Amino acid sequence: MFEDIKAIYRNDPAVRNIEFLLYPGLHAIFVHRYLSHLLYRARIPFIPRLISQIMRFLTGIEIHPGAKIDKGLFIDHGMGTVIGETVKIGKNCVMFHNVTLGGTGKEKGKRHPSIGNNVFIGTGAILLGAMKIGDNVKIGADTFIMNKNVPKNCTVTGTPGRIVRLNNKKVNIKLK
């Protein structure tokens, strides 16, 4: 929990004193991590999904109880954010509002993105399918990626997403 609070101070220059208590992203992550995800892992039916839907109503952030979220996630604003059941999110990631980490509706098993450590995902980005996003990746606002892995240390923008920076050098590479 403290890592998530630190993430707010690290990523939002507008936060002062105890204002972190007002962040809907913190509320959604807290309830996910310490209630709905634990009940989901205990294989308790219905209740974890009910809790996640209540949090969606209260915060505008939908986190499936099965999603695995590491420490230090910062969801700024959060409205319209969707995190699917088999999503994995690494440490110290940042997501802005209206981000979708979803499936294509065609897979079974692992069907949502796996996000590395220190990943930034801009407003309105849509990542669909069982892809892997490497560490230290920046995904631009309104970027669309479907079933394409993204290597570490790069920046991806556009629809469809293209690598525009790789290891601090400008490039223009189609995702494979």
N, C-alpha and C. Protein backbone atom coordinates (compact mmCIF):
# COMPACT_ATOMS: atom_id res chain seq x y z
N MET A 1 0.82 -1.20 0.00
CA MET A 1 0.00 0.00 0.00
C MET A 1 0.86 1.26 0.00
N PHE A 2 1.95 1.24 0.79
CA PHE A 2 2.81 2.41 0.86
C PHE A 2 3.48 2.71 -0.49
N GLU A 3 3.79 1.66 -1.25
CA GLU A 3 4.38 1.85 -2.57
C GLU A 3 3.39 2.55 -3.51
N ASP A 4 2.10 2.25 -3.36
CA ASP A 4 1.08 2.89 -4.19
C ASP A 4 0.92 4.36 -3.81
N ILE A 5 1.02 4.66 -2.53
CA ILE A 5 0.96 6.05 -2.08
C ILE A 5 2.19 6.82 -2.56
N LYS A 6 3.36 6.20 -2.45
CA LYS A 6 4.59 6.83 -2.96
C LYS A 6 4.47 7.11 -4.45
N ALA A 7 3.82 6.20 -5.18
CA ALA A 7 3.65 6.37 -6.63
C ALA A 7 2.84 7.62 -6.94
N ILE A 8 1.86 7.92 -6.12
CA ILE A 8 1.07 9.14 -6.32
C ILE A 8 1.96 10.37 -6.19
N TYR A 9 2.75 10.42 -5.12
CA TYR A 9 3.64 11.56 -4.91
C TYR A 9 4.72 11.63 -6.00
N ARG A 10 5.20 10.50 -6.46
CA ARG A 10 6.24 10.45 -7.49
C ARG A 10 5.73 10.93 -8.85
N ASN A 11 4.46 10.66 -9.15
CA ASN A 11 3.93 10.90 -10.49
C ASN A 11 2.99 12.08 -10.64
N ASP A 12 2.51 12.65 -9.56
CA ASP A 12 1.56 13.75 -9.68
C ASP A 12 2.03 14.97 -8.90
N PRO A 13 2.52 16.00 -9.59
CA PRO A 13 3.00 17.19 -8.90
C PRO A 13 1.89 17.98 -8.21
N ALA A 14 0.63 17.66 -8.50
CA ALA A 14 -0.48 18.40 -7.89
C ALA A 14 -0.83 17.92 -6.49
N VAL A 15 -0.35 16.76 -6.09
CA VAL A 15 -0.73 16.21 -4.78
C VAL A 15 0.00 16.96 -3.67
N ARG A 16 -0.75 17.25 -2.62
CA ARG A 16 -0.20 17.92 -1.45
C ARG A 16 -0.68 17.17 -0.22
N ASN A 17 0.05 17.25 0.84
CA ASN A 17 -0.25 16.63 2.14
C ASN A 17 -1.00 15.31 2.01
N ILE A 18 -2.20 15.20 2.58
CA ILE A 18 -2.91 13.91 2.58
C ILE A 18 -3.96 13.80 1.46
N GLU A 19 -3.84 14.62 0.44
CA GLU A 19 -4.77 14.55 -0.69
C GLU A 19 -4.76 13.19 -1.39
N PHE A 20 -3.70 12.41 -1.19
CA PHE A 20 -3.64 11.09 -1.81
C PHE A 20 -4.85 10.25 -1.42
N LEU A 21 -5.46 10.56 -0.29
CA LEU A 21 -6.65 9.82 0.16
C LEU A 21 -7.84 10.02 -0.77
N LEU A 22 -7.79 11.02 -1.63
CA LEU A 22 -8.90 11.33 -2.53
C LEU A 22 -8.75 10.73 -3.92
N TYR A 23 -7.68 10.00 -4.17
CA TYR A 23 -7.41 9.47 -5.50
C TYR A 23 -8.19 8.19 -5.76
N PRO A 24 -9.07 8.20 -6.78
CA PRO A 24 -9.86 7.00 -7.06
C PRO A 24 -9.01 5.80 -7.47
N GLY A 25 -7.87 6.06 -8.12
CA GLY A 25 -6.98 4.96 -8.49
C GLY A 25 -6.48 4.22 -7.26
N LEU A 26 -6.15 4.97 -6.22
CA LEU A 26 -5.69 4.35 -4.97
C LEU A 26 -6.81 3.52 -4.34
N HIS A 27 -8.02 4.04 -4.36
CA HIS A 27 -9.16 3.29 -3.80
C HIS A 27 -9.37 1.99 -4.56
N ALA A 28 -9.36 2.07 -5.89
CA ALA A 28 -9.60 0.89 -6.72
C ALA A 28 -8.50 -0.16 -6.50
N ILE A 29 -7.25 0.28 -6.47
CA ILE A 29 -6.13 -0.65 -6.27
C ILE A 29 -6.18 -1.27 -4.88
N PHE A 30 -6.47 -0.45 -3.87
CA PHE A 30 -6.53 -0.94 -2.49
C PHE A 30 -7.59 -2.03 -2.35
N VAL A 31 -8.79 -1.76 -2.82
CA VAL A 31 -9.88 -2.74 -2.70
C VAL A 31 -9.56 -3.99 -3.53
N HIS A 32 -8.97 -3.79 -4.70
CA HIS A 32 -8.59 -4.95 -5.52
C HIS A 32 -7.56 -5.80 -4.78
N ARG A 33 -6.50 -5.17 -4.34
CA ARG A 33 -5.37 -5.90 -3.75
C ARG A 33 -5.73 -6.58 -2.43
N TYR A 34 -6.49 -5.91 -1.59
CA TYR A 34 -6.72 -6.41 -0.23
C TYR A 34 -8.10 -7.02 0.00
N LEU A 35 -8.91 -7.10 -1.06
CA LEU A 35 -10.23 -7.70 -0.87
C LEU A 35 -10.62 -8.58 -2.06
N SER A 36 -10.92 -7.97 -3.19
CA SER A 36 -11.48 -8.77 -4.29
C SER A 36 -10.49 -9.79 -4.85
N HIS A 37 -9.21 -9.43 -5.00
CA HIS A 37 -8.23 -10.38 -5.52
C HIS A 37 -8.01 -11.54 -4.55
N LEU A 38 -7.98 -11.24 -3.26
CA LEU A 38 -7.81 -12.31 -2.26
C LEU A 38 -9.00 -13.27 -2.28
N LEU A 39 -10.20 -12.74 -2.37
CA LEU A 39 -11.40 -13.60 -2.44
C LEU A 39 -11.41 -14.41 -3.73
N TYR A 40 -10.97 -13.80 -4.83
CA TYR A 40 -10.88 -14.50 -6.11
C TYR A 40 -9.91 -15.67 -6.01
N ARG A 41 -8.74 -15.41 -5.42
CA ARG A 41 -7.73 -16.47 -5.27
C ARG A 41 -8.21 -17.58 -4.33
N ALA A 42 -9.09 -17.23 -3.39
CA ALA A 42 -9.67 -18.22 -2.48
C ALA A 42 -10.82 -18.98 -3.15
N ARG A 43 -11.09 -18.66 -4.43
CA ARG A 43 -12.13 -19.31 -5.24
C ARG A 43 -13.55 -19.12 -4.67
N ILE A 44 -13.74 -17.97 -4.07
CA ILE A 44 -15.08 -17.62 -3.58
C ILE A 44 -15.85 -17.06 -4.78
N PRO A 45 -16.98 -17.65 -5.12
CA PRO A 45 -17.71 -17.19 -6.32
C PRO A 45 -18.48 -15.89 -6.08
N PHE A 46 -18.73 -15.18 -7.13
CA PHE A 46 -19.62 -14.02 -7.22
C PHE A 46 -19.14 -12.80 -6.43
N ILE A 47 -18.80 -12.94 -5.16
CA ILE A 47 -18.48 -11.80 -4.29
C ILE A 47 -17.33 -10.95 -4.85
N PRO A 48 -16.21 -11.55 -5.31
CA PRO A 48 -15.13 -10.71 -5.85
C PRO A 48 -15.58 -9.87 -7.05
N ARG A 49 -16.37 -10.45 -7.94
CA ARG A 49 -16.86 -9.70 -9.10
C ARG A 49 -17.84 -8.61 -8.67
N LEU A 50 -18.67 -8.89 -7.68
CA LEU A 50 -19.58 -7.88 -7.15
C LEU A 50 -18.80 -6.70 -6.60
N ILE A 51 -17.77 -6.99 -5.84
CA ILE A 51 -16.93 -5.93 -5.27
C ILE A 51 -16.28 -5.11 -6.38
N SER A 52 -15.75 -5.78 -7.41
CA SER A 52 -15.10 -5.04 -8.50
C SER A 52 -16.11 -4.15 -9.24
N GLN A 53 -17.34 -4.61 -9.38
CA GLN A 53 -18.35 -3.80 -10.06
C GLN A 53 -18.80 -2.62 -9.19
N ILE A 54 -18.83 -2.80 -7.89
CA ILE A 54 -19.13 -1.68 -6.99
C ILE A 54 -18.02 -0.63 -7.09
N MET A 55 -16.77 -1.10 -7.13
CA MET A 55 -15.66 -0.15 -7.25
C MET A 55 -15.68 0.55 -8.62
N ARG A 56 -16.10 -0.16 -9.64
CA ARG A 56 -16.26 0.46 -10.97
C ARG A 56 -17.28 1.59 -10.89
N PHE A 57 -18.39 1.32 -10.21
CA PHE A 57 -19.43 2.34 -10.05
C PHE A 57 -18.89 3.54 -9.27
N LEU A 58 -18.12 3.29 -8.22
CA LEU A 58 -17.63 4.36 -7.34
C LEU A 58 -16.46 5.15 -7.93
N THR A 59 -15.59 4.47 -8.71
CA THR A 59 -14.35 5.11 -9.16
C THR A 59 -14.25 5.29 -10.67
N GLY A 60 -15.04 4.55 -11.44
CA GLY A 60 -14.90 4.56 -12.89
C GLY A 60 -13.77 3.66 -13.38
N ILE A 61 -13.16 2.90 -12.47
CA ILE A 61 -12.05 2.02 -12.78
C ILE A 61 -12.50 0.59 -12.57
N GLU A 62 -12.41 -0.22 -13.64
CA GLU A 62 -12.83 -1.62 -13.55
C GLU A 62 -11.60 -2.51 -13.55
N ILE A 63 -11.36 -3.18 -12.43
CA ILE A 63 -10.25 -4.12 -12.31
C ILE A 63 -10.85 -5.48 -12.01
N HIS A 64 -10.67 -6.43 -12.94
CA HIS A 64 -11.18 -7.78 -12.70
C HIS A 64 -10.44 -8.36 -11.49
N PRO A 65 -11.14 -9.08 -10.62
CA PRO A 65 -10.50 -9.64 -9.43
C PRO A 65 -9.33 -10.57 -9.72
N GLY A 66 -9.26 -11.14 -10.93
CA GLY A 66 -8.17 -12.04 -11.27
C GLY A 66 -6.88 -11.35 -11.68
N ALA A 67 -6.93 -10.06 -11.98
CA ALA A 67 -5.75 -9.33 -12.43
C ALA A 67 -4.68 -9.33 -11.33
N LYS A 68 -3.41 -9.44 -11.77
CA LYS A 68 -2.28 -9.42 -10.84
C LYS A 68 -1.55 -8.10 -11.01
N ILE A 69 -1.53 -7.33 -9.91
CA ILE A 69 -0.96 -5.98 -9.95
C ILE A 69 0.15 -5.88 -8.90
N ASP A 70 1.35 -5.54 -9.37
CA ASP A 70 2.48 -5.38 -8.46
C ASP A 70 2.42 -4.01 -7.80
N LYS A 71 3.37 -3.74 -6.95
CA LYS A 71 3.39 -2.50 -6.16
C LYS A 71 3.74 -1.28 -7.01
N GLY A 72 3.23 -0.14 -6.56
CA GLY A 72 3.60 1.13 -7.16
C GLY A 72 2.82 1.53 -8.40
N LEU A 73 1.65 0.93 -8.63
CA LEU A 73 0.82 1.34 -9.77
C LEU A 73 0.17 2.68 -9.46
N PHE A 74 0.24 3.60 -10.42
CA PHE A 74 -0.43 4.90 -10.31
C PHE A 74 -1.41 5.02 -11.46
N ILE A 75 -2.69 5.10 -11.13
CA ILE A 75 -3.73 5.32 -12.13
C ILE A 75 -4.20 6.76 -11.95
N ASP A 76 -3.84 7.61 -12.90
CA ASP A 76 -4.19 9.03 -12.79
C ASP A 76 -5.57 9.25 -13.38
N HIS A 77 -6.43 9.89 -12.64
CA HIS A 77 -7.84 10.14 -12.97
C HIS A 77 -8.60 8.82 -13.04
N GLY A 78 -8.30 7.96 -13.98
CA GLY A 78 -8.82 6.60 -13.96
C GLY A 78 -10.14 6.35 -14.66
N MET A 79 -10.97 7.34 -14.83
CA MET A 79 -12.29 7.11 -15.42
C MET A 79 -12.18 6.35 -16.73
N GLY A 80 -12.94 5.28 -16.85
CA GLY A 80 -12.96 4.49 -18.08
C GLY A 80 -11.85 3.46 -18.19
N THR A 81 -11.03 3.31 -17.16
CA THR A 81 -9.94 2.34 -17.18
C THR A 81 -10.49 0.94 -16.98
N VAL A 82 -10.03 -0.01 -17.81
CA VAL A 82 -10.46 -1.40 -17.72
C VAL A 82 -9.23 -2.29 -17.68
N ILE A 83 -9.16 -3.17 -16.67
CA ILE A 83 -8.06 -4.11 -16.52
C ILE A 83 -8.66 -5.50 -16.45
N GLY A 84 -8.36 -6.34 -17.46
CA GLY A 84 -8.97 -7.65 -17.60
C GLY A 84 -8.44 -8.71 -16.65
N GLU A 85 -9.10 -9.86 -16.68
CA GLU A 85 -8.87 -10.95 -15.72
C GLU A 85 -7.44 -11.48 -15.70
N THR A 86 -6.81 -11.69 -16.84
CA THR A 86 -5.49 -12.32 -16.85
C THR A 86 -4.37 -11.30 -17.05
N VAL A 87 -4.65 -10.03 -16.82
CA VAL A 87 -3.63 -8.98 -16.90
C VAL A 87 -2.63 -9.17 -15.77
N LYS A 88 -1.36 -8.92 -16.09
CA LYS A 88 -0.30 -8.82 -15.09
C LYS A 88 0.36 -7.47 -15.27
N ILE A 89 0.49 -6.72 -14.18
CA ILE A 89 1.11 -5.40 -14.22
C ILE A 89 2.31 -5.40 -13.28
N GLY A 90 3.47 -5.02 -13.81
CA GLY A 90 4.70 -4.99 -13.02
C GLY A 90 4.77 -3.81 -12.07
N LYS A 91 5.95 -3.59 -11.52
CA LYS A 91 6.17 -2.55 -10.52
C LYS A 91 6.27 -1.16 -11.15
N ASN A 92 5.80 -0.19 -10.39
CA ASN A 92 5.98 1.24 -10.70
C ASN A 92 5.48 1.64 -12.08
N CYS A 93 4.29 1.21 -12.41
CA CYS A 93 3.68 1.58 -13.69
C CYS A 93 2.74 2.76 -13.52
N VAL A 94 2.51 3.46 -14.62
CA VAL A 94 1.61 4.61 -14.64
C VAL A 94 0.60 4.40 -15.76
N MET A 95 -0.68 4.60 -15.43
CA MET A 95 -1.75 4.54 -16.43
C MET A 95 -2.62 5.76 -16.27
N PHE A 96 -2.99 6.34 -17.40
CA PHE A 96 -3.92 7.45 -17.36
C PHE A 96 -5.33 6.96 -17.64
N HIS A 97 -6.28 7.86 -17.67
CA HIS A 97 -7.69 7.47 -17.82
C HIS A 97 -7.98 6.89 -19.19
N ASN A 98 -9.06 6.13 -19.23
CA ASN A 98 -9.60 5.54 -20.46
C ASN A 98 -8.64 4.54 -21.11
N VAL A 99 -7.82 3.87 -20.31
CA VAL A 99 -6.92 2.82 -20.81
C VAL A 99 -7.65 1.49 -20.73
N THR A 100 -7.51 0.67 -21.77
CA THR A 100 -8.08 -0.68 -21.77
C THR A 100 -6.96 -1.70 -21.91
N LEU A 101 -6.88 -2.60 -20.95
CA LEU A 101 -6.01 -3.77 -21.02
C LEU A 101 -6.95 -4.96 -21.11
N GLY A 102 -7.30 -5.34 -22.33
CA GLY A 102 -8.37 -6.32 -22.53
C GLY A 102 -7.99 -7.47 -23.43
N GLY A 103 -8.96 -8.32 -23.64
CA GLY A 103 -8.80 -9.46 -24.55
C GLY A 103 -9.50 -9.16 -25.86
N THR A 104 -9.32 -10.06 -26.81
CA THR A 104 -9.97 -9.89 -28.11
C THR A 104 -11.31 -10.63 -28.15
N GLY A 105 -11.58 -11.41 -27.13
CA GLY A 105 -12.82 -12.17 -27.07
C GLY A 105 -12.73 -13.53 -27.72
N LYS A 106 -11.55 -13.89 -28.20
CA LYS A 106 -11.39 -15.13 -28.94
C LYS A 106 -10.55 -16.17 -28.19
N GLU A 107 -9.79 -15.77 -27.21
CA GLU A 107 -8.87 -16.68 -26.55
C GLU A 107 -9.48 -17.30 -25.29
N LYS A 108 -8.84 -18.36 -24.86
CA LYS A 108 -9.14 -18.97 -23.56
C LYS A 108 -7.83 -18.98 -22.80
N GLY A 109 -7.88 -19.06 -21.49
CA GLY A 109 -6.65 -19.02 -20.69
C GLY A 109 -6.09 -17.62 -20.62
N LYS A 110 -4.78 -17.49 -20.78
CA LYS A 110 -4.13 -16.18 -20.76
C LYS A 110 -4.54 -15.40 -22.01
N ARG A 111 -5.28 -14.33 -21.82
CA ARG A 111 -5.83 -13.61 -22.96
C ARG A 111 -5.72 -12.09 -22.86
N HIS A 112 -5.03 -11.63 -21.84
CA HIS A 112 -4.86 -10.18 -21.64
C HIS A 112 -3.37 -9.83 -21.58
N PRO A 113 -3.04 -8.55 -21.71
CA PRO A 113 -1.63 -8.13 -21.71
C PRO A 113 -0.91 -8.40 -20.39
N SER A 114 0.41 -8.62 -20.52
CA SER A 114 1.33 -8.64 -19.38
C SER A 114 2.22 -7.42 -19.53
N ILE A 115 2.21 -6.57 -18.51
CA ILE A 115 2.90 -5.29 -18.54
C ILE A 115 4.14 -5.40 -17.66
N GLY A 116 5.30 -5.00 -18.20
CA GLY A 116 6.55 -5.05 -17.45
C GLY A 116 6.62 -3.98 -16.36
N ASN A 117 7.81 -3.79 -15.83
CA ASN A 117 8.06 -2.78 -14.79
C ASN A 117 8.31 -1.41 -15.43
N ASN A 118 7.95 -0.37 -14.72
CA ASN A 118 8.22 1.02 -15.13
C ASN A 118 7.62 1.35 -16.50
N VAL A 119 6.40 0.92 -16.73
CA VAL A 119 5.72 1.17 -18.00
C VAL A 119 4.74 2.33 -17.83
N PHE A 120 4.74 3.23 -18.81
CA PHE A 120 3.83 4.36 -18.85
C PHE A 120 2.83 4.11 -19.96
N ILE A 121 1.53 4.20 -19.65
CA ILE A 121 0.48 3.99 -20.64
C ILE A 121 -0.39 5.24 -20.68
N GLY A 122 -0.38 5.92 -21.81
CA GLY A 122 -1.07 7.20 -21.96
C GLY A 122 -2.57 7.07 -22.11
N THR A 123 -3.24 8.18 -21.97
CA THR A 123 -4.70 8.29 -22.05
C THR A 123 -5.25 7.64 -23.32
N GLY A 124 -6.27 6.82 -23.14
CA GLY A 124 -6.98 6.24 -24.26
C GLY A 124 -6.29 5.09 -24.97
N ALA A 125 -5.15 4.65 -24.46
CA ALA A 125 -4.45 3.53 -25.09
C ALA A 125 -5.29 2.26 -24.95
N ILE A 126 -5.25 1.43 -25.99
CA ILE A 126 -5.99 0.16 -25.99
C ILE A 126 -4.99 -0.94 -26.32
N LEU A 127 -4.83 -1.88 -25.39
CA LEU A 127 -3.94 -3.02 -25.57
C LEU A 127 -4.80 -4.27 -25.46
N LEU A 128 -4.91 -5.02 -26.54
CA LEU A 128 -5.78 -6.19 -26.58
C LEU A 128 -5.00 -7.45 -26.89
N GLY A 129 -5.26 -8.50 -26.12
CA GLY A 129 -4.66 -9.81 -26.39
C GLY A 129 -3.55 -10.15 -25.41
N ALA A 130 -3.05 -11.37 -25.54
CA ALA A 130 -2.05 -11.92 -24.61
C ALA A 130 -0.64 -11.50 -25.01
N MET A 131 -0.43 -10.22 -25.13
CA MET A 131 0.88 -9.67 -25.51
C MET A 131 1.74 -9.43 -24.28
N LYS A 132 3.03 -9.22 -24.53
CA LYS A 132 3.97 -8.85 -23.47
C LYS A 132 4.53 -7.48 -23.79
N ILE A 133 4.44 -6.59 -22.80
CA ILE A 133 5.00 -5.25 -22.90
C ILE A 133 6.24 -5.24 -22.02
N GLY A 134 7.40 -4.95 -22.60
CA GLY A 134 8.67 -5.00 -21.87
C GLY A 134 8.80 -3.91 -20.82
N ASP A 135 9.88 -4.00 -20.05
CA ASP A 135 10.18 -3.00 -19.02
C ASP A 135 10.55 -1.67 -19.67
N ASN A 136 10.27 -0.59 -18.96
CA ASN A 136 10.66 0.77 -19.36
C ASN A 136 10.08 1.19 -20.71
N VAL A 137 8.85 0.81 -20.96
CA VAL A 137 8.16 1.15 -22.20
C VAL A 137 7.22 2.33 -21.97
N LYS A 138 7.12 3.19 -22.96
CA LYS A 138 6.14 4.28 -22.95
C LYS A 138 5.18 4.02 -24.10
N ILE A 139 3.89 4.01 -23.78
CA ILE A 139 2.86 3.83 -24.79
C ILE A 139 2.06 5.14 -24.86
N GLY A 140 2.06 5.75 -26.02
CA GLY A 140 1.45 7.05 -26.18
C GLY A 140 -0.06 7.04 -26.09
N ALA A 141 -0.62 8.22 -25.90
CA ALA A 141 -2.07 8.40 -25.84
C ALA A 141 -2.71 7.90 -27.13
N ASP A 142 -3.86 7.26 -26.99
CA ASP A 142 -4.66 6.75 -28.12
C ASP A 142 -3.94 5.73 -28.99
N THR A 143 -2.92 5.10 -28.47
CA THR A 143 -2.22 4.04 -29.19
C THR A 143 -3.04 2.76 -29.13
N PHE A 144 -3.06 2.03 -30.23
CA PHE A 144 -3.78 0.75 -30.30
C PHE A 144 -2.80 -0.36 -30.64
N ILE A 145 -2.77 -1.39 -29.79
CA ILE A 145 -1.91 -2.55 -30.02
C ILE A 145 -2.76 -3.80 -29.80
N MET A 146 -2.72 -4.71 -30.78
CA MET A 146 -3.46 -5.97 -30.63
C MET A 146 -2.54 -7.14 -30.94
N ASN A 147 -2.37 -8.00 -29.93
CA ASN A 147 -1.60 -9.24 -30.08
C ASN A 147 -0.18 -9.04 -30.62
N LYS A 148 0.46 -7.95 -30.25
CA LYS A 148 1.85 -7.69 -30.66
C LYS A 148 2.69 -7.43 -29.42
N ASN A 149 3.80 -8.14 -29.29
CA ASN A 149 4.71 -7.90 -28.17
C ASN A 149 5.49 -6.62 -28.40
N VAL A 150 5.84 -5.96 -27.30
CA VAL A 150 6.59 -4.72 -27.35
C VAL A 150 7.89 -4.92 -26.58
N PRO A 151 9.06 -4.70 -27.22
CA PRO A 151 10.33 -4.92 -26.53
C PRO A 151 10.58 -3.87 -25.45
N LYS A 152 11.50 -4.15 -24.57
CA LYS A 152 11.83 -3.21 -23.49
C LYS A 152 12.49 -1.95 -24.04
N ASN A 153 12.47 -0.90 -23.24
CA ASN A 153 13.17 0.36 -23.52
C ASN A 153 12.76 1.01 -24.83
N CYS A 154 11.46 1.10 -25.06
CA CYS A 154 11.01 1.76 -26.29
C CYS A 154 9.78 2.60 -26.04
N THR A 155 9.43 3.39 -27.05
CA THR A 155 8.21 4.18 -27.05
C THR A 155 7.38 3.75 -28.25
N VAL A 156 6.09 3.51 -28.01
CA VAL A 156 5.17 3.08 -29.05
C VAL A 156 4.04 4.11 -29.15
N THR A 157 3.72 4.52 -30.39
CA THR A 157 2.61 5.44 -30.61
C THR A 157 1.83 5.02 -31.85
N GLY A 158 0.62 5.55 -31.96
CA GLY A 158 -0.16 5.40 -33.18
C GLY A 158 -1.12 4.24 -33.21
N THR A 159 -1.89 4.22 -34.30
CA THR A 159 -2.88 3.17 -34.53
C THR A 159 -2.72 2.68 -35.96
N PRO A 160 -2.20 1.49 -36.17
CA PRO A 160 -1.70 0.56 -35.15
C PRO A 160 -0.36 1.06 -34.57
N GLY A 161 -0.05 0.59 -33.37
CA GLY A 161 1.15 1.03 -32.68
C GLY A 161 2.43 0.71 -33.44
N ARG A 162 3.35 1.68 -33.44
CA ARG A 162 4.68 1.52 -34.06
C ARG A 162 5.71 1.98 -33.05
N ILE A 163 6.87 1.36 -33.07
CA ILE A 163 7.97 1.78 -32.20
C ILE A 163 8.60 3.02 -32.83
N VAL A 164 8.61 4.12 -32.06
CA VAL A 164 9.18 5.37 -32.56
C VAL A 164 10.49 5.73 -31.86
N ARG A 165 10.75 5.07 -30.73
CA ARG A 165 12.03 5.21 -30.03
C ARG A 165 12.42 3.85 -29.49
N LEU A 166 13.68 3.52 -29.65
CA LEU A 166 14.20 2.25 -29.14
C LEU A 166 15.59 2.53 -28.59
N ASN A 167 15.77 2.24 -27.30
CA ASN A 167 17.06 2.50 -26.64
C ASN A 167 17.54 3.93 -26.89
N ASN A 168 16.62 4.89 -26.73
CA ASN A 168 16.89 6.32 -26.85
C ASN A 168 17.28 6.77 -28.25
N LYS A 169 16.94 6.01 -29.27
CA LYS A 169 17.21 6.42 -30.65
C LYS A 169 15.90 6.45 -31.42
N LYS A 170 15.72 7.47 -32.26
CA LYS A 170 14.52 7.55 -33.08
C LYS A 170 14.53 6.44 -34.12
N VAL A 171 13.38 5.76 -34.23
CA VAL A 171 13.21 4.68 -35.20
C VAL A 171 11.78 4.74 -35.71
N ASN A 172 11.46 3.89 -36.65
CA ASN A 172 10.09 3.73 -37.13
C ASN A 172 9.92 2.26 -37.48
N ILE A 173 9.52 1.47 -36.48
CA ILE A 173 9.49 0.01 -36.62
C ILE A 173 8.08 -0.50 -36.39
N LYS A 174 7.60 -1.31 -37.31
CA LYS A 174 6.31 -1.96 -37.17
C LYS A 174 6.41 -3.04 -36.09
N LEU A 175 5.39 -3.13 -35.22
CA LEU A 175 5.37 -4.19 -34.21
C LEU A 175 5.16 -5.53 -34.87
N LYS A 176 5.81 -6.56 -34.35
CA LYS A 176 5.68 -7.92 -34.91
C LYS A 176 4.91 -8.82 -33.97
